[in-house]
Amino acid sequence: MATLTSREFNQDVARAKRAANDGPVIITDRGRPAYVLMRHEAYQRLVSQGHGIRALLAHPESEDITFEPPRLGDEPPPLVDLG
């Protein structure tokens, strides 16, 4: 997955869009992931996969489900050279 700083994104939007053709692009703000750029088709696939996690967790039977998401480190993902 490609990563760009906010400055890199602002300076070369076309490069970010080309990178998004291959998959989501993380855009960082002050070294932390802040935004994700992806093709609209990928976004549509994501939102059309059914219920969101909020709706699933609100379901009465969800109390019996153990959900332990992995913790992410405090360090941002490494920057990828797209040049």
PDB file of N, CA and C in Angstrom:
ATOM      1  N   MET A   1       0.855  -1.169   0.000  1.00  0.00           N
ATOM      2  CA  MET A   1       0.000   0.000   0.000  1.00  0.00           C
ATOM      3  C   MET A   1       0.904   1.235   0.000  1.00  0.00           C
ATOM      4  N   ALA A   2       0.627   2.142  -0.877  1.00  0.00           N
ATOM      5  CA  ALA A   2       1.430   3.359  -1.006  1.00  0.00           C
ATOM      6  C   ALA A   2       1.071   4.363   0.081  1.00  0.00           C
ATOM      7  N   THR A   3       2.058   5.150   0.485  1.00  0.00           N
ATOM      8  CA  THR A   3       1.865   6.193   1.486  1.00  0.00           C
ATOM      9  C   THR A   3       2.490   7.482   0.981  1.00  0.00           C
ATOM     10  N   LEU A   4       1.765   8.574   1.125  1.00  0.00           N
ATOM     11  CA  LEU A   4       2.254   9.897   0.747  1.00  0.00           C
ATOM     12  C   LEU A   4       2.039  10.856   1.907  1.00  0.00           C
ATOM     13  N   THR A   5       2.934  11.808   2.047  1.00  0.00           N
ATOM     14  CA  THR A   5       2.697  12.859   3.021  1.00  0.00           C
ATOM     15  C   THR A   5       1.682  13.833   2.421  1.00  0.00           C
ATOM     16  N   SER A   6       1.080  14.650   3.261  1.00  0.00           N
ATOM     17  CA  SER A   6       0.139  15.662   2.760  1.00  0.00           C
ATOM     18  C   SER A   6       0.827  16.586   1.770  1.00  0.00           C
ATOM     19  N   ARG A   7       2.061  16.930   2.049  1.00  0.00           N
ATOM     20  CA  ARG A   7       2.816  17.811   1.154  1.00  0.00           C
ATOM     21  C   ARG A   7       3.034  17.152  -0.200  1.00  0.00           C
ATOM     22  N   GLU A   8       3.440  15.876  -0.195  1.00  0.00           N
ATOM     23  CA  GLU A   8       3.638  15.165  -1.466  1.00  0.00           C
ATOM     24  C   GLU A   8       2.332  15.086  -2.248  1.00  0.00           C
ATOM     25  N   PHE A   9       1.255  14.822  -1.543  1.00  0.00           N
ATOM     26  CA  PHE A   9      -0.049  14.742  -2.195  1.00  0.00           C
ATOM     27  C   PHE A   9      -0.409  16.079  -2.843  1.00  0.00           C
ATOM     28  N   ASN A  10      -0.244  17.161  -2.109  1.00  0.00           N
ATOM     29  CA  ASN A  10      -0.580  18.490  -2.632  1.00  0.00           C
ATOM     30  C   ASN A  10       0.296  18.884  -3.815  1.00  0.00           C
ATOM     31  N   GLN A  11       1.539  18.452  -3.815  1.00  0.00           N
ATOM     32  CA  GLN A  11       2.457  18.823  -4.884  1.00  0.00           C
ATOM     33  C   GLN A  11       2.266  17.998  -6.149  1.00  0.00           C
ATOM     34  N   ASP A  12       1.720  16.782  -6.008  1.00  0.00           N
ATOM     35  CA  ASP A  12       1.593  15.922  -7.184  1.00  0.00           C
ATOM     36  C   ASP A  12       0.359  15.026  -7.065  1.00  0.00           C
ATOM     37  N   VAL A  13      -0.808  15.619  -7.223  1.00  0.00           N
ATOM     38  CA  VAL A  13      -2.073  14.879  -7.124  1.00  0.00           C
ATOM     39  C   VAL A  13      -2.150  13.804  -8.200  1.00  0.00           C
ATOM     40  N   ALA A  14      -1.635  14.097  -9.382  1.00  0.00           N
ATOM     41  CA  ALA A  14      -1.676  13.111 -10.478  1.00  0.00           C
ATOM     42  C   ALA A  14      -0.923  11.849 -10.098  1.00  0.00           C
ATOM     43  N   ARG A  15       0.209  11.992  -9.421  1.00  0.00           N
ATOM     44  CA  ARG A  15       0.984  10.818  -8.975  1.00  0.00           C
ATOM     45  C   ARG A  15       0.171   9.993  -7.976  1.00  0.00           C
ATOM     46  N   ALA A  16      -0.520  10.681  -7.071  1.00  0.00           N
ATOM     47  CA  ALA A  16      -1.346   9.984  -6.082  1.00  0.00           C
ATOM     48  C   ALA A  16      -2.479   9.224  -6.773  1.00  0.00           C
ATOM     49  N   LYS A  17      -3.087   9.849  -7.770  1.00  0.00           N
ATOM     50  CA  LYS A  17      -4.173   9.187  -8.498  1.00  0.00           C
ATOM     51  C   LYS A  17      -3.659   7.961  -9.258  1.00  0.00           C
ATOM     52  N   ARG A  18      -2.478   8.070  -9.850  1.00  0.00           N
ATOM     53  CA  ARG A  18      -1.896   6.903 -10.539  1.00  0.00           C
ATOM     54  C   ARG A  18      -1.626   5.783  -9.547  1.00  0.00           C
ATOM     55  N   ALA A  19      -1.112   6.125  -8.376  1.00  0.00           N
ATOM     56  CA  ALA A  19      -0.841   5.109  -7.352  1.00  0.00           C
ATOM     57  C   ALA A  19      -2.129   4.453  -6.885  1.00  0.00           C
ATOM     58  N   ALA A  20      -3.228   5.219  -6.829  1.00  0.00           N
ATOM     59  CA  ALA A  20      -4.514   4.669  -6.390  1.00  0.00           C
ATOM     60  C   ALA A  20      -5.085   3.673  -7.386  1.00  0.00           C
ATOM     61  N   ASN A  21      -4.585   3.687  -8.612  1.00  0.00           N
ATOM     62  CA  ASN A  21      -5.012   2.668  -9.579  1.00  0.00           C
ATOM     63  C   ASN A  21      -4.565   1.282  -9.143  1.00  0.00           C
ATOM     64  N   ASP A  22      -3.479   1.206  -8.359  1.00  0.00           N
ATOM     65  CA  ASP A  22      -2.950  -0.084  -7.902  1.00  0.00           C
ATOM     66  C   ASP A  22      -3.456  -0.472  -6.526  1.00  0.00           C
ATOM     67  N   GLY A  23      -4.156   0.427  -5.853  1.00  0.00           N
ATOM     68  CA  GLY A  23      -4.675   0.127  -4.525  1.00  0.00           C
ATOM     69  C   GLY A  23      -4.765   1.393  -3.703  1.00  0.00           C
ATOM     70  N   PRO A  24      -5.309   1.287  -2.497  1.00  0.00           N
ATOM     71  CA  PRO A  24      -5.478   2.468  -1.645  1.00  0.00           C
ATOM     72  C   PRO A  24      -4.146   3.161  -1.366  1.00  0.00           C
ATOM     73  N   VAL A  25      -4.197   4.473  -1.253  1.00  0.00           N
ATOM     74  CA  VAL A  25      -3.027   5.289  -0.929  1.00  0.00           C
ATOM     75  C   VAL A  25      -3.309   5.981   0.398  1.00  0.00           C
ATOM     76  N   ILE A  26      -2.424   5.781   1.359  1.00  0.00           N
ATOM     77  CA  ILE A  26      -2.561   6.443   2.655  1.00  0.00           C
ATOM     78  C   ILE A  26      -1.885   7.801   2.559  1.00  0.00           C
ATOM     79  N   ILE A  27      -2.590   8.833   3.000  1.00  0.00           N
ATOM     80  CA  ILE A  27      -2.041  10.181   3.020  1.00  0.00           C
ATOM     81  C   ILE A  27      -1.868  10.563   4.483  1.00  0.00           C
ATOM     82  N   THR A  28      -0.647  10.905   4.848  1.00  0.00           N
ATOM     83  CA  THR A  28      -0.358  11.213   6.243  1.00  0.00           C
ATOM     84  C   THR A  28      -0.430  12.710   6.501  1.00  0.00           C
ATOM     85  N   ASP A  29      -0.693  13.048   7.740  1.00  0.00           N
ATOM     86  CA  ASP A  29      -0.701  14.425   8.202  1.00  0.00           C
ATOM     87  C   ASP A  29       0.122  14.466   9.482  1.00  0.00           C
ATOM     88  N   ARG A  30       1.236  15.159   9.438  1.00  0.00           N
ATOM     89  CA  ARG A  30       2.171  15.212  10.567  1.00  0.00           C
ATOM     90  C   ARG A  30       2.645  13.820  10.966  1.00  0.00           C
ATOM     91  N   GLY A  31       2.879  12.984   9.968  1.00  0.00           N
ATOM     92  CA  GLY A  31       3.443  11.659  10.211  1.00  0.00           C
ATOM     93  C   GLY A  31       2.449  10.581  10.586  1.00  0.00           C
ATOM     94  N   ARG A  32       1.187  10.915  10.688  1.00  0.00           N
ATOM     95  CA  ARG A  32       0.173   9.917  11.061  1.00  0.00           C
ATOM     96  C   ARG A  32      -0.808   9.721   9.917  1.00  0.00           C
ATOM     97  N   PRO A  33      -1.252   8.495   9.692  1.00  0.00           N
ATOM     98  CA  PRO A  33      -2.249   8.258   8.640  1.00  0.00           C
ATOM     99  C   PRO A  33      -3.495   9.103   8.899  1.00  0.00           C
ATOM    100  N   ALA A  34      -3.952   9.825   7.872  1.00  0.00           N
ATOM    101  CA  ALA A  34      -5.093  10.711   8.053  1.00  0.00           C
ATOM    102  C   ALA A  34      -6.194  10.475   7.020  1.00  0.00           C
ATOM    103  N   TYR A  35      -5.817  10.122   5.803  1.00  0.00           N
ATOM    104  CA  TYR A  35      -6.789   9.951   4.721  1.00  0.00           C
ATOM    105  C   TYR A  35      -6.400   8.749   3.880  1.00  0.00           C
ATOM    106  N   VAL A  36      -7.378   8.241   3.137  1.00  0.00           N
ATOM    107  CA  VAL A  36      -7.125   7.158   2.190  1.00  0.00           C
ATOM    108  C   VAL A  36      -7.715   7.559   0.851  1.00  0.00           C
ATOM    109  N   LEU A  37      -6.904   7.485  -0.188  1.00  0.00           N
ATOM    110  CA  LEU A  37      -7.356   7.768  -1.547  1.00  0.00           C
ATOM    111  C   LEU A  37      -7.498   6.442  -2.273  1.00  0.00           C
ATOM    112  N   MET A  38      -8.664   6.226  -2.867  1.00  0.00           N
ATOM    113  CA  MET A  38      -8.882   4.991  -3.628  1.00  0.00           C
ATOM    114  C   MET A  38      -9.810   5.268  -4.796  1.00  0.00           C
ATOM    115  N   ARG A  39      -9.797   4.366  -5.750  1.00  0.00           N
ATOM    116  CA  ARG A  39     -10.690   4.490  -6.892  1.00  0.00           C
ATOM    117  C   ARG A  39     -12.133   4.350  -6.410  1.00  0.00           C
ATOM    118  N   HIS A  40     -13.027   5.032  -7.077  1.00  0.00           N
ATOM    119  CA  HIS A  40     -14.431   5.001  -6.695  1.00  0.00           C
ATOM    120  C   HIS A  40     -14.999   3.590  -6.756  1.00  0.00           C
ATOM    121  N   GLU A  41     -14.583   2.820  -7.743  1.00  0.00           N
ATOM    122  CA  GLU A  41     -15.062   1.440  -7.863  1.00  0.00           C
ATOM    123  C   GLU A  41     -14.686   0.615  -6.628  1.00  0.00           C
ATOM    124  N   ALA A  42     -13.476   0.820  -6.123  1.00  0.00           N
ATOM    125  CA  ALA A  42     -13.039   0.097  -4.923  1.00  0.00           C
ATOM    126  C   ALA A  42     -13.867   0.518  -3.723  1.00  0.00           C
ATOM    127  N   TYR A  43     -14.147   1.805  -3.623  1.00  0.00           N
ATOM    128  CA  TYR A  43     -14.980   2.312  -2.531  1.00  0.00           C
ATOM    129  C   TYR A  43     -16.381   1.713  -2.602  1.00  0.00           C
ATOM    130  N   GLN A  44     -16.957   1.675  -3.803  1.00  0.00           N
ATOM    131  CA  GLN A  44     -18.302   1.106  -3.970  1.00  0.00           C
ATOM    132  C   GLN A  44     -18.330  -0.362  -3.555  1.00  0.00           C
ATOM    133  N   ARG A  45     -17.302  -1.119  -3.905  1.00  0.00           N
ATOM    134  CA  ARG A  45     -17.235  -2.528  -3.490  1.00  0.00           C
ATOM    135  C   ARG A  45     -17.188  -2.627  -1.972  1.00  0.00           C
ATOM    136  N   LEU A  46     -16.428  -1.735  -1.355  1.00  0.00           N
ATOM    137  CA  LEU A  46     -16.278  -1.750   0.096  1.00  0.00           C
ATOM    138  C   LEU A  46     -17.604  -1.483   0.804  1.00  0.00           C
ATOM    139  N   VAL A  47     -18.334  -0.455   0.371  1.00  0.00           N
ATOM    140  CA  VAL A  47     -19.568  -0.096   1.056  1.00  0.00           C
ATOM    141  C   VAL A  47     -20.728  -1.010   0.693  1.00  0.00           C
ATOM    142  N   SER A  48     -20.625  -1.740  -0.383  1.00  0.00           N
ATOM    143  CA  SER A  48     -21.732  -2.606  -0.784  1.00  0.00           C
ATOM    144  C   SER A  48     -21.588  -4.028  -0.250  1.00  0.00           C
ATOM    145  N   GLN A  49     -20.601  -4.272   0.595  1.00  0.00           N
ATOM    146  CA  GLN A  49     -20.373  -5.623   1.106  1.00  0.00           C
ATOM    147  C   GLN A  49     -21.341  -6.012   2.219  1.00  0.00           C
ATOM    148  N   GLY A  50     -22.271  -5.180   2.509  1.00  0.00           N
ATOM    149  CA  GLY A  50     -23.244  -5.544   3.535  1.00  0.00           C
ATOM    150  C   GLY A  50     -23.236  -4.558   4.673  1.00  0.00           C
ATOM    151  N   HIS A  51     -23.605  -5.047   5.818  1.00  0.00           N
ATOM    152  CA  HIS A  51     -23.738  -4.207   6.999  1.00  0.00           C
ATOM    153  C   HIS A  51     -22.379  -3.739   7.491  1.00  0.00           C
ATOM    154  N   GLY A  52     -22.349  -2.538   8.007  1.00  0.00           N
ATOM    155  CA  GLY A  52     -21.142  -2.016   8.633  1.00  0.00           C
ATOM    156  C   GLY A  52     -20.953  -2.630  10.004  1.00  0.00           C
ATOM    157  N   ILE A  53     -19.787  -2.450  10.576  1.00  0.00           N
ATOM    158  CA  ILE A  53     -19.490  -3.053  11.877  1.00  0.00           C
ATOM    159  C   ILE A  53     -20.410  -2.505  12.970  1.00  0.00           C
ATOM    160  N   ARG A  54     -20.793  -1.236  12.862  1.00  0.00           N
ATOM    161  CA  ARG A  54     -21.686  -0.667  13.874  1.00  0.00           C
ATOM    162  C   ARG A  54     -23.019  -1.411  13.892  1.00  0.00           C
ATOM    163  N   ALA A  55     -23.579  -1.685  12.718  1.00  0.00           N
ATOM    164  CA  ALA A  55     -24.857  -2.401  12.646  1.00  0.00           C
ATOM    165  C   ALA A  55     -24.702  -3.831  13.146  1.00  0.00           C
ATOM    166  N   LEU A  56     -23.582  -4.466  12.810  1.00  0.00           N
ATOM    167  CA  LEU A  56     -23.370  -5.840  13.266  1.00  0.00           C
ATOM    168  C   LEU A  56     -23.219  -5.908  14.779  1.00  0.00           C
ATOM    169  N   LEU A  57     -22.501  -4.958  15.359  1.00  0.00           N
ATOM    170  CA  LEU A  57     -22.311  -4.968  16.812  1.00  0.00           C
ATOM    171  C   LEU A  57     -23.576  -4.576  17.564  1.00  0.00           C
ATOM    172  N   ALA A  58     -24.481  -3.845  16.915  1.00  0.00           N
ATOM    173  CA  ALA A  58     -25.736  -3.454  17.548  1.00  0.00           C
ATOM    174  C   ALA A  58     -26.747  -4.605  17.561  1.00  0.00           C
ATOM    175  N   HIS A  59     -26.483  -5.642  16.795  1.00  0.00           N
ATOM    176  CA  HIS A  59     -27.390  -6.793  16.728  1.00  0.00           C
ATOM    177  C   HIS A  59     -27.438  -7.465  18.097  1.00  0.00           C
ATOM    178  N   PRO A  60     -28.630  -7.873  18.568  1.00  0.00           N
ATOM    179  CA  PRO A  60     -28.761  -8.455  19.915  1.00  0.00           C
ATOM    180  C   PRO A  60     -27.865  -9.666  20.155  1.00  0.00           C
ATOM    181  N   GLU A  61     -27.630 -10.467  19.153  1.00  0.00           N
ATOM    182  CA  GLU A  61     -26.809 -11.669  19.340  1.00  0.00           C
ATOM    183  C   GLU A  61     -25.321 -11.373  19.319  1.00  0.00           C
ATOM    184  N   SER A  62     -24.938 -10.126  19.076  1.00  0.00           N
ATOM    185  CA  SER A  62     -23.517  -9.799  18.986  1.00  0.00           C
ATOM    186  C   SER A  62     -22.822  -9.845  20.348  1.00  0.00           C
ATOM    187  N   GLU A  63     -23.588  -9.866  21.436  1.00  0.00           N
ATOM    188  CA  GLU A  63     -22.982  -9.925  22.755  1.00  0.00           C
ATOM    189  C   GLU A  63     -22.204 -11.216  22.954  1.00  0.00           C
ATOM    190  N   ASP A  64     -22.544 -12.251  22.199  1.00  0.00           N
ATOM    191  CA  ASP A  64     -21.868 -13.541  22.332  1.00  0.00           C
ATOM    192  C   ASP A  64     -20.613 -13.631  21.465  1.00  0.00           C
ATOM    193  N   ILE A  65     -20.326 -12.599  20.696  1.00  0.00           N
ATOM    194  CA  ILE A  65     -19.188 -12.619  19.781  1.00  0.00           C
ATOM    195  C   ILE A  65     -17.990 -11.953  20.453  1.00  0.00           C
ATOM    196  N   THR A  66     -16.852 -12.640  20.432  1.00  0.00           N
ATOM    197  CA  THR A  66     -15.627 -12.068  20.959  1.00  0.00           C
ATOM    198  C   THR A  66     -14.954 -11.294  19.842  1.00  0.00           C
ATOM    199  N   PHE A  67     -14.677 -10.036  20.109  1.00  0.00           N
ATOM    200  CA  PHE A  67     -14.038  -9.183  19.107  1.00  0.00           C
ATOM    201  C   PHE A  67     -12.831  -8.506  19.741  1.00  0.00           C
ATOM    202  N   GLU A  68     -11.639  -8.930  19.358  1.00  0.00           N
ATOM    203  CA  GLU A  68     -10.400  -8.364  19.870  1.00  0.00           C
ATOM    204  C   GLU A  68      -9.562  -7.890  18.690  1.00  0.00           C
ATOM    205  N   PRO A  69      -9.761  -6.642  18.243  1.00  0.00           N
ATOM    206  CA  PRO A  69      -8.966  -6.163  17.101  1.00  0.00           C
ATOM    207  C   PRO A  69      -7.498  -6.031  17.492  1.00  0.00           C
ATOM    208  N   PRO A  70      -6.593  -6.294  16.550  1.00  0.00           N
ATOM    209  CA  PRO A  70      -5.169  -6.161  16.872  1.00  0.00           C
ATOM    210  C   PRO A  70      -4.811  -4.694  17.096  1.00  0.00           C
ATOM    211  N   ARG A  71      -3.898  -4.449  18.004  1.00  0.00           N
ATOM    212  CA  ARG A  71      -3.437  -3.087  18.262  1.00  0.00           C
ATOM    213  C   ARG A  71      -2.346  -2.747  17.257  1.00  0.00           C
ATOM    214  N   LEU A  72      -2.440  -1.532  16.747  1.00  0.00           N
ATOM    215  CA  LEU A  72      -1.419  -1.048  15.825  1.00  0.00           C
ATOM    216  C   LEU A  72      -0.363  -0.297  16.608  1.00  0.00           C
ATOM    217  N   GLY A  73       0.853  -0.338  16.129  1.00  0.00           N
ATOM    218  CA  GLY A  73       1.932   0.392  16.787  1.00  0.00           C
ATOM    219  C   GLY A  73       1.742   1.886  16.664  1.00  0.00           C
ATOM    220  N   ASP A  74       2.504   2.621  17.428  1.00  0.00           N
ATOM    221  CA  ASP A  74       2.420   4.076  17.391  1.00  0.00           C
ATOM    222  C   ASP A  74       3.136   4.677  16.193  1.00  0.00           C
ATOM    223  N   GLU A  75       3.973   3.877  15.531  1.00  0.00           N
ATOM    224  CA  GLU A  75       4.725   4.401  14.391  1.00  0.00           C
ATOM    225  C   GLU A  75       3.883   4.358  13.144  1.00  0.00           C
ATOM    226  N   PRO A  76       3.975   5.411  12.311  1.00  0.00           N
ATOM    227  CA  PRO A  76       3.235   5.395  11.042  1.00  0.00           C
ATOM    228  C   PRO A  76       3.844   4.377  10.095  1.00  0.00           C
ATOM    229  N   PRO A  77       3.104   3.923   9.083  1.00  0.00           N
ATOM    230  CA  PRO A  77       3.661   2.979   8.123  1.00  0.00           C
ATOM    231  C   PRO A  77       4.821   3.632   7.364  1.00  0.00           C
ATOM    232  N   PRO A  78       5.756   2.816   6.889  1.00  0.00           N
ATOM    233  CA  PRO A  78       6.888   3.400   6.151  1.00  0.00           C
ATOM    234  C   PRO A  78       6.421   4.070   4.861  1.00  0.00           C
ATOM    235  N   LEU A  79       7.115   5.133   4.496  1.00  0.00           N
ATOM    236  CA  LEU A  79       6.796   5.836   3.257  1.00  0.00           C
ATOM    237  C   LEU A  79       7.288   5.018   2.075  1.00  0.00           C
ATOM    238  N   VAL A  80       6.532   5.009   1.017  1.00  0.00           N
ATOM    239  CA  VAL A  80       6.880   4.259  -0.183  1.00  0.00           C
ATOM    240  C   VAL A  80       7.296   5.240  -1.258  1.00  0.00           C
ATOM    241  N   ASP A  81       8.413   4.970  -1.913  1.00  0.00           N
ATOM    242  CA  ASP A  81       8.867   5.829  -3.002  1.00  0.00           C
ATOM    243  C   ASP A  81       8.094   5.480  -4.253  1.00  0.00           C
ATOM    244  N   LEU A  82       7.270   6.418  -4.708  1.00  0.00           N
ATOM    245  CA  LEU A  82       6.453   6.185  -5.896  1.00  0.00           C
ATOM    246  C   LEU A  82       7.109   6.705  -7.164  1.00  0.00           C
ATOM    247  N   GLY A  83       8.298   7.221  -7.049  1.00  0.00           N
ATOM    248  CA  GLY A  83       8.972   7.834  -8.189  1.00  0.00           C
ATOM    249  C   GLY A  83       9.636   6.901  -9.099  1.00  0.00           C
TER     250      GLY A  83
END
